[in-house]
Amino acid sequence: MDMNTLLPIIIQVITGVIGGQAVGAAIKTAAMGQLPKILGGAVGGVGGAAILGSLLGGGAPVDPAAAAAATGGLGSALNLQNIIGGAGGGAILTGIIGAVMNAMKK
């Protein structure tokens, strides 16, 4: 697996964890530990970016070698689909996990 394949997934996981942490901090009633926030954010980040990518049509195919040469390897990974989809997906899935955990406590 080369870096052109792995780098978008890493960015999706990181932005998903950030989104999950933000929702976990905002929803104090769902007393969640760090592990559910991190895992929910990471899985939601990858899933959210994939869903957003399919809704946007995936965009035009980009030659990875040309993108790496033009931007030093980060250009194809640092796009709106990976960042917004990752943060949004991580936030949504973490919110759902928090709601389910809160409902199970009652």
C-alpha atoms as a PDB file:
ATOM      1  CA  MET A   1       0.000   0.000   0.000  1.00  0.00           C
ATOM      2  CA  ASP A   2       1.544   3.269  -1.075  1.00  0.00           C
ATOM      3  CA  MET A   3       1.192   6.677   0.577  1.00  0.00           C
ATOM      4  CA  ASN A   4      -1.255   7.928  -2.083  1.00  0.00           C
ATOM      5  CA  THR A   5      -3.696   5.301  -0.856  1.00  0.00           C
ATOM      6  CA  LEU A   6      -2.951   5.533   2.858  1.00  0.00           C
ATOM      7  CA  LEU A   7      -2.765   9.309   3.334  1.00  0.00           C
ATOM      8  CA  PRO A   8      -6.467  10.068   2.646  1.00  0.00           C
ATOM      9  CA  ILE A   9      -7.489   7.378   5.155  1.00  0.00           C
ATOM     10  CA  ILE A  10      -5.160   8.831   7.784  1.00  0.00           C
ATOM     11  CA  ILE A  11      -6.629  12.305   7.240  1.00  0.00           C
ATOM     12  CA  GLN A  12     -10.177  10.920   7.453  1.00  0.00           C
ATOM     13  CA  VAL A  13      -9.385   9.135  10.731  1.00  0.00           C
ATOM     14  CA  ILE A  14      -7.728  12.224  12.258  1.00  0.00           C
ATOM     15  CA  THR A  15     -10.538  14.593  11.274  1.00  0.00           C
ATOM     16  CA  GLY A  16     -13.098  12.015  12.407  1.00  0.00           C
ATOM     17  CA  VAL A  17     -11.475  11.806  15.839  1.00  0.00           C
ATOM     18  CA  ILE A  18     -11.486  15.615  16.033  1.00  0.00           C
ATOM     19  CA  GLY A  19     -15.195  15.680  15.143  1.00  0.00           C
ATOM     20  CA  GLY A  20     -15.925  12.947  17.665  1.00  0.00           C
ATOM     21  CA  GLN A  21     -14.051  14.753  20.426  1.00  0.00           C
ATOM     22  CA  ALA A  22     -15.932  17.964  19.665  1.00  0.00           C
ATOM     23  CA  VAL A  23     -19.313  16.250  19.929  1.00  0.00           C
ATOM     24  CA  GLY A  24     -18.226  14.350  23.030  1.00  0.00           C
ATOM     25  CA  ALA A  25     -17.261  17.628  24.691  1.00  0.00           C
ATOM     26  CA  ALA A  26     -20.476  19.344  23.598  1.00  0.00           C
ATOM     27  CA  ILE A  27     -22.798  16.576  24.801  1.00  0.00           C
ATOM     28  CA  LYS A  28     -22.054  16.383  28.502  1.00  0.00           C
ATOM     29  CA  THR A  29     -25.170  14.294  29.283  1.00  0.00           C
ATOM     30  CA  ALA A  30     -23.742  11.286  27.455  1.00  0.00           C
ATOM     31  CA  ALA A  31     -20.873  10.612  29.824  1.00  0.00           C
ATOM     32  CA  MET A  32     -18.646   8.798  27.361  1.00  0.00           C
ATOM     33  CA  GLY A  33     -15.121   7.660  27.927  1.00  0.00           C
ATOM     34  CA  GLN A  34     -12.304   8.502  25.548  1.00  0.00           C
ATOM     35  CA  LEU A  35     -12.317   5.117  23.823  1.00  0.00           C
ATOM     36  CA  PRO A  36     -15.884   5.360  22.422  1.00  0.00           C
ATOM     37  CA  LYS A  37     -15.226   8.935  21.270  1.00  0.00           C
ATOM     38  CA  ILE A  38     -11.983   7.995  19.539  1.00  0.00           C
ATOM     39  CA  LEU A  39     -13.276   4.803  17.925  1.00  0.00           C
ATOM     40  CA  GLY A  40     -16.606   6.331  16.926  1.00  0.00           C
ATOM     41  CA  GLY A  41     -14.839   9.346  15.485  1.00  0.00           C
ATOM     42  CA  ALA A  42     -12.312   7.279  13.535  1.00  0.00           C
ATOM     43  CA  VAL A  43     -14.861   4.885  12.039  1.00  0.00           C
ATOM     44  CA  GLY A  44     -17.328   7.690  11.387  1.00  0.00           C
ATOM     45  CA  GLY A  45     -14.605   9.770   9.741  1.00  0.00           C
ATOM     46  CA  VAL A  46     -13.758   7.122   7.175  1.00  0.00           C
ATOM     47  CA  GLY A  47     -17.432   6.306   6.595  1.00  0.00           C
ATOM     48  CA  GLY A  48     -18.486   9.946   6.365  1.00  0.00           C
ATOM     49  CA  ALA A  49     -15.801  10.746   3.826  1.00  0.00           C
ATOM     50  CA  ALA A  50     -16.802   7.711   1.751  1.00  0.00           C
ATOM     51  CA  ILE A  51     -20.485   8.706   1.828  1.00  0.00           C
ATOM     52  CA  LEU A  52     -19.697  12.326   0.960  1.00  0.00           C
ATOM     53  CA  GLY A  53     -17.452  11.154  -1.866  1.00  0.00           C
ATOM     54  CA  SER A  54     -20.200   9.003  -3.336  1.00  0.00           C
ATOM     55  CA  LEU A  55     -22.745  11.829  -3.029  1.00  0.00           C
ATOM     56  CA  LEU A  56     -20.409  14.241  -4.803  1.00  0.00           C
ATOM     57  CA  GLY A  57     -19.685  11.722  -7.528  1.00  0.00           C
ATOM     58  CA  GLY A  58     -16.116  11.106  -6.485  1.00  0.00           C
ATOM     59  CA  GLY A  59     -14.828  13.926  -8.663  1.00  0.00           C
ATOM     60  CA  ALA A  60     -12.690  13.543 -11.739  1.00  0.00           C
ATOM     61  CA  PRO A  61      -9.981  10.909 -11.539  1.00  0.00           C
ATOM     62  CA  VAL A  62      -6.639  12.415 -10.673  1.00  0.00           C
ATOM     63  CA  ASP A  63      -3.348  10.836 -11.600  1.00  0.00           C
ATOM     64  CA  PRO A  64      -1.679  10.214  -8.180  1.00  0.00           C
ATOM     65  CA  ALA A  65       1.803  10.782  -9.592  1.00  0.00           C
ATOM     66  CA  ALA A  66       0.807  14.155 -11.051  1.00  0.00           C
ATOM     67  CA  ALA A  67      -0.917  15.193  -7.812  1.00  0.00           C
ATOM     68  CA  ALA A  68       2.085  14.149  -5.732  1.00  0.00           C
ATOM     69  CA  ALA A  69       4.472  16.036  -7.995  1.00  0.00           C
ATOM     70  CA  ALA A  70       2.314  19.160  -7.998  1.00  0.00           C
ATOM     71  CA  THR A  71       1.658  19.381  -4.272  1.00  0.00           C
ATOM     72  CA  GLY A  72       4.343  17.390  -2.546  1.00  0.00           C
ATOM     73  CA  GLY A  73       2.040  14.401  -1.976  1.00  0.00           C
ATOM     74  CA  LEU A  74      -0.664  16.078   0.120  1.00  0.00           C
ATOM     75  CA  GLY A  75      -2.848  17.613  -2.572  1.00  0.00           C
ATOM     76  CA  SER A  76      -5.055  14.657  -3.334  1.00  0.00           C
ATOM     77  CA  ALA A  77      -5.488  13.843   0.375  1.00  0.00           C
ATOM     78  CA  LEU A  78      -6.240  17.348   1.631  1.00  0.00           C
ATOM     79  CA  ASN A  79      -9.514  17.871  -0.143  1.00  0.00           C
ATOM     80  CA  LEU A  80     -12.942  18.885   1.103  1.00  0.00           C
ATOM     81  CA  GLN A  81     -14.288  15.351   0.903  1.00  0.00           C
ATOM     82  CA  ASN A  82     -11.683  13.982   3.315  1.00  0.00           C
ATOM     83  CA  ILE A  83     -11.729  16.872   5.772  1.00  0.00           C
ATOM     84  CA  ILE A  84     -15.425  17.801   5.950  1.00  0.00           C
ATOM     85  CA  GLY A  85     -16.656  14.247   5.423  1.00  0.00           C
ATOM     86  CA  GLY A  86     -14.274  12.937   8.055  1.00  0.00           C
ATOM     87  CA  ALA A  87     -15.139  15.527  10.695  1.00  0.00           C
ATOM     88  CA  GLY A  88     -18.864  15.354   9.985  1.00  0.00           C
ATOM     89  CA  GLY A  89     -18.988  11.566   9.920  1.00  0.00           C
ATOM     90  CA  GLY A  90     -16.986  11.323  13.131  1.00  0.00           C
ATOM     91  CA  ALA A  91     -19.230  13.831  14.857  1.00  0.00           C
ATOM     92  CA  ILE A  92     -22.446  12.143  13.706  1.00  0.00           C
ATOM     93  CA  LEU A  93     -21.390   8.609  14.646  1.00  0.00           C
ATOM     94  CA  THR A  94     -20.049   9.734  18.029  1.00  0.00           C
ATOM     95  CA  GLY A  95     -23.334  11.551  18.693  1.00  0.00           C
ATOM     96  CA  ILE A  96     -25.281   8.400  17.856  1.00  0.00           C
ATOM     97  CA  ILE A  97     -23.047   6.294  20.109  1.00  0.00           C
ATOM     98  CA  GLY A  98     -23.489   8.826  22.915  1.00  0.00           C
ATOM     99  CA  ALA A  99     -27.269   8.778  22.534  1.00  0.00           C
ATOM    100  CA  VAL A 100     -27.366   4.972  22.580  1.00  0.00           C
ATOM    101  CA  MET A 101     -25.076   4.805  25.618  1.00  0.00           C
ATOM    102  CA  ASN A 102     -27.209   7.399  27.400  1.00  0.00           C
ATOM    103  CA  ALA A 103     -30.412   5.493  26.599  1.00  0.00           C
ATOM    104  CA  MET A 104     -28.899   2.249  27.877  1.00  0.00           C
ATOM    105  CA  LYS A 105     -28.125   3.847  31.252  1.00  0.00           C
ATOM    106  CA  LYS A 106     -31.769   4.705  31.904  1.00  0.00           C
END
